[in-house]
Amino acid sequence: MDNMKINYWEIATRQMTIVDKNQQTLFKNAKIAVIGCGGIGGAAIEILARMGVGQLNIIDEDEFDVSNLNRQLMSSIDTIGKSKAIVSKERAQLINPHIIVNAFDEKLTENNLEKILKDCDIIIDALDNIYTRIIVSRYAKENNIPFIHGAIHGTLGQLSVFTKDTKSYEELFLLPSLNKELNKETKEIIENLSKEIPPAIGPTPNIIGFLQAFEAYKLITEIGKVTYAPKILKFDLLNLESFEILEL
């Protein structure tokens, strides 16, 4: 079948009892940035495409390796050694031929921040280092773009949504960079906080990525309750009773 003959509204059929056509059209016209295309980001990209988002800006400088196979949905034997951003773009377009995906096979820095994030309606944090989260969250707050934070460690996961009207990412987690210029000294302090390569098991990053994608869906369609900071969703998959929303 010609991919472009696949009707957008047929893809969305099963969710149209949850939202109406006007709400889904808002999502169809939305532009979301996903920063990172690994475990968390791959899950977010996959489900955003399936839910019918109109446009994605995705960025990741890494290539897939064998250690990604335990959790990263975009990885397979065939993608080892290939760009995570490019593979994720191709995957999203196989799922939803109507989606526009701008893939950036590069590192996100202060120099290309504007290019990647300009005109985006929402930014999804699928990062694995605190310093880049800080520069992205600052940009988001300054430009009134919701920033959906997600992070994992082994079986632990957390999620919170930041806007211009909430506490900032740095405020909520009391980071030493709060109200400071991001100079060489501050950067060194921050980078020392996240030197460890965190453990990760399949379900954890995927759950976080899916939840972040749905927070984005809620923000755009205005259905449901968004987990705005200072509220934070936390869980430990070793204890399913641990799922809770805290207020920091």
C-alpha atoms as a PDB file:
ATOM      1  CA  MET A   1       0.000   0.000   0.000  1.00  0.00           C
ATOM      2  CA  ASP A   2       1.191   3.536  -0.782  1.00  0.00           C
ATOM      3  CA  ASN A   3       2.049   4.977   2.625  1.00  0.00           C
ATOM      4  CA  MET A   4       0.508   8.359   1.857  1.00  0.00           C
ATOM      5  CA  LYS A   5      -2.832   6.659   1.105  1.00  0.00           C
ATOM      6  CA  ILE A   6      -3.045   5.692   4.774  1.00  0.00           C
ATOM      7  CA  ASN A   7      -5.614   8.047   6.242  1.00  0.00           C
ATOM      8  CA  TYR A   8      -4.465  10.034   9.297  1.00  0.00           C
ATOM      9  CA  TRP A   9      -7.875   9.802  10.932  1.00  0.00           C
ATOM     10  CA  GLU A  10      -7.959   6.025  10.539  1.00  0.00           C
ATOM     11  CA  ILE A  11      -4.708   5.844  12.506  1.00  0.00           C
ATOM     12  CA  ALA A  12      -6.326   7.908  15.279  1.00  0.00           C
ATOM     13  CA  THR A  13      -9.671   6.053  15.255  1.00  0.00           C
ATOM     14  CA  ARG A  14      -9.314   4.224  18.566  1.00  0.00           C
ATOM     15  CA  GLN A  15      -8.447   7.376  20.552  1.00  0.00           C
ATOM     16  CA  MET A  16     -11.268   9.489  19.131  1.00  0.00           C
ATOM     17  CA  THR A  17     -13.583   8.509  21.965  1.00  0.00           C
ATOM     18  CA  ILE A  18     -11.080  10.123  24.369  1.00  0.00           C
ATOM     19  CA  VAL A  19     -10.609  13.366  22.439  1.00  0.00           C
ATOM     20  CA  ASP A  20     -12.748  15.116  19.841  1.00  0.00           C
ATOM     21  CA  LYS A  21     -11.642  16.064  16.341  1.00  0.00           C
ATOM     22  CA  ASN A  22     -10.758  19.621  17.320  1.00  0.00           C
ATOM     23  CA  GLN A  23      -8.509  18.383  20.134  1.00  0.00           C
ATOM     24  CA  GLN A  24      -6.822  15.797  17.921  1.00  0.00           C
ATOM     25  CA  THR A  25      -6.328  18.456  15.242  1.00  0.00           C
ATOM     26  CA  LEU A  26      -4.424  20.525  17.794  1.00  0.00           C
ATOM     27  CA  PHE A  27      -2.110  17.554  18.288  1.00  0.00           C
ATOM     28  CA  LYS A  28      -1.870  16.993  14.530  1.00  0.00           C
ATOM     29  CA  ASN A  29      -0.616  20.581  14.226  1.00  0.00           C
ATOM     30  CA  ALA A  30       1.750  20.410  17.222  1.00  0.00           C
ATOM     31  CA  LYS A  31       5.540  20.543  17.047  1.00  0.00           C
ATOM     32  CA  ILE A  32       7.381  18.723  19.829  1.00  0.00           C
ATOM     33  CA  ALA A  33      11.116  18.516  20.488  1.00  0.00           C
ATOM     34  CA  VAL A  34      12.509  15.290  21.945  1.00  0.00           C
ATOM     35  CA  ILE A  35      16.029  15.796  23.283  1.00  0.00           C
ATOM     36  CA  GLY A  36      17.671  12.376  23.155  1.00  0.00           C
ATOM     37  CA  CYS A  37      16.718   9.319  21.114  1.00  0.00           C
ATOM     38  CA  GLY A  38      17.794   6.555  23.504  1.00  0.00           C
ATOM     39  CA  GLY A  39      15.632   4.635  25.973  1.00  0.00           C
ATOM     40  CA  ILE A  40      13.364   7.443  27.142  1.00  0.00           C
ATOM     41  CA  GLY A  41      13.445   9.411  23.902  1.00  0.00           C
ATOM     42  CA  GLY A  42      12.867   6.417  21.649  1.00  0.00           C
ATOM     43  CA  ALA A  43       9.747   5.486  23.602  1.00  0.00           C
ATOM     44  CA  ALA A  44       8.459   9.067  23.494  1.00  0.00           C
ATOM     45  CA  ILE A  45       9.107   9.360  19.737  1.00  0.00           C
ATOM     46  CA  GLU A  46       7.419   6.022  19.009  1.00  0.00           C
ATOM     47  CA  ILE A  47       4.228   6.774  20.906  1.00  0.00           C
ATOM     48  CA  LEU A  48       4.009  10.426  19.796  1.00  0.00           C
ATOM     49  CA  ALA A  49       4.091   9.184  16.199  1.00  0.00           C
ATOM     50  CA  ARG A  50       1.400   6.601  16.958  1.00  0.00           C
ATOM     51  CA  MET A  51      -0.823   9.197  18.681  1.00  0.00           C
ATOM     52  CA  GLY A  52      -0.558  11.409  15.593  1.00  0.00           C
ATOM     53  CA  VAL A  53       1.704  14.337  16.448  1.00  0.00           C
ATOM     54  CA  GLY A  54       2.297  16.556  13.440  1.00  0.00           C
ATOM     55  CA  GLN A  55       5.979  17.386  13.750  1.00  0.00           C
ATOM     56  CA  LEU A  56       9.005  16.296  15.766  1.00  0.00           C
ATOM     57  CA  ASN A  57      12.427  17.833  16.194  1.00  0.00           C
ATOM     58  CA  ILE A  58      14.729  15.108  17.526  1.00  0.00           C
ATOM     59  CA  ILE A  59      18.413  15.250  18.386  1.00  0.00           C
ATOM     60  CA  ASP A  60      21.069  12.767  19.460  1.00  0.00           C
ATOM     61  CA  GLU A  61      24.765  12.571  18.603  1.00  0.00           C
ATOM     62  CA  ASP A  62      25.124   8.875  19.497  1.00  0.00           C
ATOM     63  CA  GLU A  63      24.983   5.647  17.524  1.00  0.00           C
ATOM     64  CA  PHE A  64      23.285   2.447  18.669  1.00  0.00           C
ATOM     65  CA  ASP A  65      25.418  -0.260  20.261  1.00  0.00           C
ATOM     66  CA  VAL A  66      24.737  -3.752  21.603  1.00  0.00           C
ATOM     67  CA  SER A  67      24.190  -2.527  25.177  1.00  0.00           C
ATOM     68  CA  ASN A  68      21.128  -0.566  23.984  1.00  0.00           C
ATOM     69  CA  LEU A  69      19.214  -3.705  23.008  1.00  0.00           C
ATOM     70  CA  ASN A  70      17.896  -4.368  26.520  1.00  0.00           C
ATOM     71  CA  ARG A  71      15.700  -1.253  26.567  1.00  0.00           C
ATOM     72  CA  GLN A  72      15.871   1.110  23.571  1.00  0.00           C
ATOM     73  CA  LEU A  73      12.897   0.514  21.279  1.00  0.00           C
ATOM     74  CA  MET A  74      14.615   2.009  18.238  1.00  0.00           C
ATOM     75  CA  SER A  75      17.576  -0.364  18.559  1.00  0.00           C
ATOM     76  CA  SER A  76      17.941  -3.734  16.844  1.00  0.00           C
ATOM     77  CA  ILE A  77      20.712  -5.879  15.419  1.00  0.00           C
ATOM     78  CA  ASP A  78      20.272  -3.981  12.153  1.00  0.00           C
ATOM     79  CA  THR A  79      20.659  -0.517  13.721  1.00  0.00           C
ATOM     80  CA  ILE A  80      23.910  -1.148  15.631  1.00  0.00           C
ATOM     81  CA  GLY A  81      26.427   1.478  14.551  1.00  0.00           C
ATOM     82  CA  LYS A  82      23.740   3.704  13.025  1.00  0.00           C
ATOM     83  CA  SER A  83      22.719   7.217  14.095  1.00  0.00           C
ATOM     84  CA  LYS A  84      20.042   7.170  16.790  1.00  0.00           C
ATOM     85  CA  ALA A  85      18.474  10.353  15.407  1.00  0.00           C
ATOM     86  CA  ILE A  86      18.270   9.129  11.811  1.00  0.00           C
ATOM     87  CA  VAL A  87      16.995   5.663  12.765  1.00  0.00           C
ATOM     88  CA  SER A  88      14.355   7.232  15.025  1.00  0.00           C
ATOM     89  CA  LYS A  89      13.217   9.532  12.207  1.00  0.00           C
ATOM     90  CA  GLU A  90      12.832   6.593   9.831  1.00  0.00           C
ATOM     91  CA  ARG A  91      10.946   4.583  12.457  1.00  0.00           C
ATOM     92  CA  ALA A  92       8.509   7.430  13.213  1.00  0.00           C
ATOM     93  CA  GLN A  93       7.762   7.889   9.514  1.00  0.00           C
ATOM     94  CA  LEU A  94       7.150   4.156   9.055  1.00  0.00           C
ATOM     95  CA  ILE A  95       4.550   4.339  11.829  1.00  0.00           C
ATOM     96  CA  ASN A  96       2.899   7.575  10.690  1.00  0.00           C
ATOM     97  CA  PRO A  97       3.610   8.725   7.130  1.00  0.00           C
ATOM     98  CA  HIS A  98       1.960  12.082   7.821  1.00  0.00           C
ATOM     99  CA  ILE A  99       4.510  13.112  10.441  1.00  0.00           C
ATOM    100  CA  ILE A 100       7.301  15.606   9.731  1.00  0.00           C
ATOM    101  CA  VAL A 101      10.529  14.700  11.534  1.00  0.00           C
ATOM    102  CA  ASN A 102      13.564  16.963  11.649  1.00  0.00           C
ATOM    103  CA  ALA A 103      16.465  14.802  12.847  1.00  0.00           C
ATOM    104  CA  PHE A 104      19.715  16.323  14.107  1.00  0.00           C
ATOM    105  CA  ASP A 105      22.655  13.933  14.371  1.00  0.00           C
ATOM    106  CA  GLU A 106      24.651  16.206  16.664  1.00  0.00           C
ATOM    107  CA  LYS A 107      25.196  17.209  20.281  1.00  0.00           C
ATOM    108  CA  LEU A 108      22.842  19.780  21.766  1.00  0.00           C
ATOM    109  CA  THR A 109      24.794  22.833  22.970  1.00  0.00           C
ATOM    110  CA  GLU A 110      24.217  26.505  23.686  1.00  0.00           C
ATOM    111  CA  ASN A 111      25.191  27.148  20.041  1.00  0.00           C
ATOM    112  CA  ASN A 112      22.488  25.068  18.345  1.00  0.00           C
ATOM    113  CA  LEU A 113      19.787  25.313  21.019  1.00  0.00           C
ATOM    114  CA  GLU A 114      17.794  27.946  19.142  1.00  0.00           C
ATOM    115  CA  LYS A 115      17.894  25.977  15.882  1.00  0.00           C
ATOM    116  CA  ILE A 116      16.523  22.805  17.502  1.00  0.00           C
ATOM    117  CA  LEU A 117      13.962  24.266  19.894  1.00  0.00           C
ATOM    118  CA  LYS A 118      12.663  27.410  18.180  1.00  0.00           C
ATOM    119  CA  ASP A 119       8.914  27.344  17.481  1.00  0.00           C
ATOM    120  CA  CYS A 120       8.389  24.069  19.370  1.00  0.00           C
ATOM    121  CA  ASP A 121       5.212  23.813  21.430  1.00  0.00           C
ATOM    122  CA  ILE A 122       6.712  21.404  23.993  1.00  0.00           C
ATOM    123  CA  ILE A 123      10.154  20.063  24.890  1.00  0.00           C
ATOM    124  CA  ILE A 124      10.551  16.490  26.154  1.00  0.00           C
ATOM    125  CA  ASP A 125      13.654  15.836  28.249  1.00  0.00           C
ATOM    126  CA  ALA A 126      15.106  12.452  27.333  1.00  0.00           C
ATOM    127  CA  LEU A 127      18.603  13.433  28.420  1.00  0.00           C
ATOM    128  CA  ASP A 128      21.156  11.582  30.501  1.00  0.00           C
ATOM    129  CA  ASN A 129      23.118  14.530  31.878  1.00  0.00           C
ATOM    130  CA  ILE A 130      22.180  17.356  34.195  1.00  0.00           C
ATOM    131  CA  TYR A 131      24.110  20.178  32.526  1.00  0.00           C
ATOM    132  CA  THR A 132      22.256  19.860  29.210  1.00  0.00           C
ATOM    133  CA  ARG A 133      18.963  19.619  31.114  1.00  0.00           C
ATOM    134  CA  ILE A 134      19.796  22.939  32.751  1.00  0.00           C
ATOM    135  CA  ILE A 135      20.483  24.799  29.500  1.00  0.00           C
ATOM    136  CA  VAL A 136      17.364  23.310  27.878  1.00  0.00           C
ATOM    137  CA  SER A 137      15.133  24.009  30.887  1.00  0.00           C
ATOM    138  CA  ARG A 138      16.375  27.604  31.051  1.00  0.00           C
ATOM    139  CA  TYR A 139      15.668  28.107  27.365  1.00  0.00           C
ATOM    140  CA  ALA A 140      12.209  26.597  27.808  1.00  0.00           C
ATOM    141  CA  LYS A 141      11.320  28.878  30.709  1.00  0.00           C
ATOM    142  CA  GLU A 142      12.652  31.988  28.979  1.00  0.00           C
ATOM    143  CA  ASN A 143      10.655  31.188  25.853  1.00  0.00           C
ATOM    144  CA  ASN A 144       7.458  29.998  27.566  1.00  0.00           C
ATOM    145  CA  ILE A 145       7.727  26.419  26.295  1.00  0.00           C
ATOM    146  CA  PRO A 146       6.580  23.590  28.618  1.00  0.00           C
ATOM    147  CA  PHE A 147       9.512  21.351  29.593  1.00  0.00           C
ATOM    148  CA  ILE A 148       8.576  17.751  30.416  1.00  0.00           C
ATOM    149  CA  HIS A 149      11.302  16.265  32.587  1.00  0.00           C
ATOM    150  CA  GLY A 150      11.890  12.540  32.886  1.00  0.00           C
ATOM    151  CA  ALA A 151      14.742  10.546  34.393  1.00  0.00           C
ATOM    152  CA  ILE A 152      15.525   7.001  35.474  1.00  0.00           C
ATOM    153  CA  HIS A 153      17.990   5.034  37.576  1.00  0.00           C
ATOM    154  CA  GLY A 154      17.674   1.265  37.373  1.00  0.00           C
ATOM    155  CA  THR A 155      14.078   0.512  38.322  1.00  0.00           C
ATOM    156  CA  LEU A 156      13.430   4.072  39.556  1.00  0.00           C
ATOM    157  CA  GLY A 157      11.644   6.677  37.456  1.00  0.00           C
ATOM    158  CA  GLN A 158      10.519  10.271  37.883  1.00  0.00           C
ATOM    159  CA  LEU A 159       8.565  12.839  35.868  1.00  0.00           C
ATOM    160  CA  SER A 160       7.516  16.467  36.258  1.00  0.00           C
ATOM    161  CA  VAL A 161       6.312  19.265  33.973  1.00  0.00           C
ATOM    162  CA  PHE A 162       7.812  22.747  34.152  1.00  0.00           C
ATOM    163  CA  THR A 163       6.362  25.947  32.687  1.00  0.00           C
ATOM    164  CA  LYS A 164       7.035  29.666  33.040  1.00  0.00           C
ATOM    165  CA  ASP A 165       4.541  29.695  35.939  1.00  0.00           C
ATOM    166  CA  THR A 166       6.002  26.787  37.958  1.00  0.00           C
ATOM    167  CA  LYS A 167       9.191  26.330  39.893  1.00  0.00           C
ATOM    168  CA  SER A 168      12.127  25.806  37.561  1.00  0.00           C
ATOM    169  CA  TYR A 169      13.960  22.499  37.134  1.00  0.00           C
ATOM    170  CA  GLU A 170      16.909  23.927  39.071  1.00  0.00           C
ATOM    171  CA  GLU A 171      14.677  25.236  41.862  1.00  0.00           C
ATOM    172  CA  LEU A 172      12.784  21.983  42.320  1.00  0.00           C
ATOM    173  CA  PHE A 173      15.919  19.882  42.626  1.00  0.00           C
ATOM    174  CA  LEU A 174      17.976  22.543  44.458  1.00  0.00           C
ATOM    175  CA  LEU A 175      20.823  22.386  41.953  1.00  0.00           C
ATOM    176  CA  PRO A 176      24.039  24.317  42.693  1.00  0.00           C
ATOM    177  CA  SER A 177      23.618  26.214  39.400  1.00  0.00           C
ATOM    178  CA  LEU A 178      20.445  27.952  40.602  1.00  0.00           C
ATOM    179  CA  ASN A 179      20.610  31.701  39.861  1.00  0.00           C
ATOM    180  CA  LYS A 180      24.199  31.364  38.657  1.00  0.00           C
ATOM    181  CA  GLU A 181      25.850  32.028  35.337  1.00  0.00           C
ATOM    182  CA  LEU A 182      26.756  28.808  33.529  1.00  0.00           C
ATOM    183  CA  ASN A 183      30.477  29.539  33.430  1.00  0.00           C
ATOM    184  CA  LYS A 184      33.328  27.030  33.441  1.00  0.00           C
ATOM    185  CA  GLU A 185      33.316  26.682  37.244  1.00  0.00           C
ATOM    186  CA  THR A 186      29.556  26.091  37.479  1.00  0.00           C
ATOM    187  CA  LYS A 187      29.698  23.639  34.585  1.00  0.00           C
ATOM    188  CA  GLU A 188      32.398  21.590  36.335  1.00  0.00           C
ATOM    189  CA  ILE A 189      30.335  21.422  39.529  1.00  0.00           C
ATOM    190  CA  ILE A 190      27.263  20.267  37.591  1.00  0.00           C
ATOM    191  CA  GLU A 191      29.139  17.715  35.516  1.00  0.00           C
ATOM    192  CA  ASN A 192      30.553  16.180  38.695  1.00  0.00           C
ATOM    193  CA  LEU A 193      26.970  15.425  39.761  1.00  0.00           C
ATOM    194  CA  SER A 194      26.330  13.100  36.822  1.00  0.00           C
ATOM    195  CA  LYS A 195      29.541  11.226  36.059  1.00  0.00           C
ATOM    196  CA  GLU A 196      28.048   7.790  36.728  1.00  0.00           C
ATOM    197  CA  ILE A 197      26.534   5.764  33.880  1.00  0.00           C
ATOM    198  CA  PRO A 198      23.203   4.847  35.491  1.00  0.00           C
ATOM    199  CA  PRO A 199      21.879   1.279  35.476  1.00  0.00           C
ATOM    200  CA  ALA A 200      18.857   0.738  33.232  1.00  0.00           C
ATOM    201  CA  ILE A 201      16.448  -2.112  32.623  1.00  0.00           C
ATOM    202  CA  GLY A 202      13.944  -2.354  29.781  1.00  0.00           C
ATOM    203  CA  PRO A 203      10.614  -1.221  31.243  1.00  0.00           C
ATOM    204  CA  THR A 204      11.798   1.841  33.203  1.00  0.00           C
ATOM    205  CA  PRO A 205      12.834   4.250  30.426  1.00  0.00           C
ATOM    206  CA  ASN A 206       9.967   3.138  28.225  1.00  0.00           C
ATOM    207  CA  ILE A 207       7.373   3.832  30.919  1.00  0.00           C
ATOM    208  CA  ILE A 208       8.856   7.298  31.486  1.00  0.00           C
ATOM    209  CA  GLY A 209       8.967   8.057  27.756  1.00  0.00           C
ATOM    210  CA  PHE A 210       5.359   6.968  27.271  1.00  0.00           C
ATOM    211  CA  LEU A 211       4.225   9.031  30.270  1.00  0.00           C
ATOM    212  CA  GLN A 212       6.086  12.115  29.022  1.00  0.00           C
ATOM    213  CA  ALA A 213       4.449  11.727  25.615  1.00  0.00           C
ATOM    214  CA  PHE A 214       1.027  11.558  27.249  1.00  0.00           C
ATOM    215  CA  GLU A 215       1.768  14.628  29.377  1.00  0.00           C
ATOM    216  CA  ALA A 216       2.483  16.397  26.071  1.00  0.00           C
ATOM    217  CA  TYR A 217      -0.805  15.077  24.668  1.00  0.00           C
ATOM    218  CA  LYS A 218      -2.668  16.371  27.723  1.00  0.00           C
ATOM    219  CA  LEU A 219      -1.020  19.779  27.489  1.00  0.00           C
ATOM    220  CA  ILE A 220      -1.930  20.208  23.822  1.00  0.00           C
ATOM    221  CA  THR A 221      -5.456  18.738  23.886  1.00  0.00           C
ATOM    222  CA  GLU A 222      -6.232  20.106  27.382  1.00  0.00           C
ATOM    223  CA  ILE A 223      -7.578  16.802  28.676  1.00  0.00           C
ATOM    224  CA  GLY A 224      -6.779  15.390  32.117  1.00  0.00           C
ATOM    225  CA  LYS A 225      -4.508  16.710  34.861  1.00  0.00           C
ATOM    226  CA  VAL A 226      -0.916  17.613  34.047  1.00  0.00           C
ATOM    227  CA  THR A 227       1.817  16.793  36.591  1.00  0.00           C
ATOM    228  CA  TYR A 228       3.039  20.339  37.060  1.00  0.00           C
ATOM    229  CA  ALA A 229       6.022  21.098  39.310  1.00  0.00           C
ATOM    230  CA  PRO A 230       6.417  21.120  42.270  1.00  0.00           C
ATOM    231  CA  LYS A 231       4.486  17.855  41.880  1.00  0.00           C
ATOM    232  CA  ILE A 232       6.603  14.940  40.724  1.00  0.00           C
ATOM    233  CA  LEU A 233       5.623  11.402  39.802  1.00  0.00           C
ATOM    234  CA  LYS A 234       7.990   8.801  41.253  1.00  0.00           C
ATOM    235  CA  PHE A 235       8.051   5.019  41.170  1.00  0.00           C
ATOM    236  CA  ASP A 236      10.188   1.940  41.717  1.00  0.00           C
ATOM    237  CA  LEU A 237       9.265  -1.005  39.527  1.00  0.00           C
ATOM    238  CA  LEU A 238      10.447  -3.396  42.240  1.00  0.00           C
ATOM    239  CA  ASN A 239       7.509  -2.161  44.312  1.00  0.00           C
ATOM    240  CA  LEU A 240       4.425  -1.234  42.307  1.00  0.00           C
ATOM    241  CA  GLU A 241       2.844   0.257  45.433  1.00  0.00           C
ATOM    242  CA  SER A 242       5.508   2.955  45.199  1.00  0.00           C
ATOM    243  CA  PHE A 243       3.812   4.806  42.327  1.00  0.00           C
ATOM    244  CA  GLU A 244       2.919   8.197  43.810  1.00  0.00           C
ATOM    245  CA  ILE A 245       2.822  11.901  43.112  1.00  0.00           C
ATOM    246  CA  LEU A 246       4.811  13.916  45.631  1.00  0.00           C
ATOM    247  CA  GLU A 247       5.046  17.666  46.113  1.00  0.00           C
ATOM    248  CA  LEU A 248       8.633  18.812  46.681  1.00  0.00           C
END
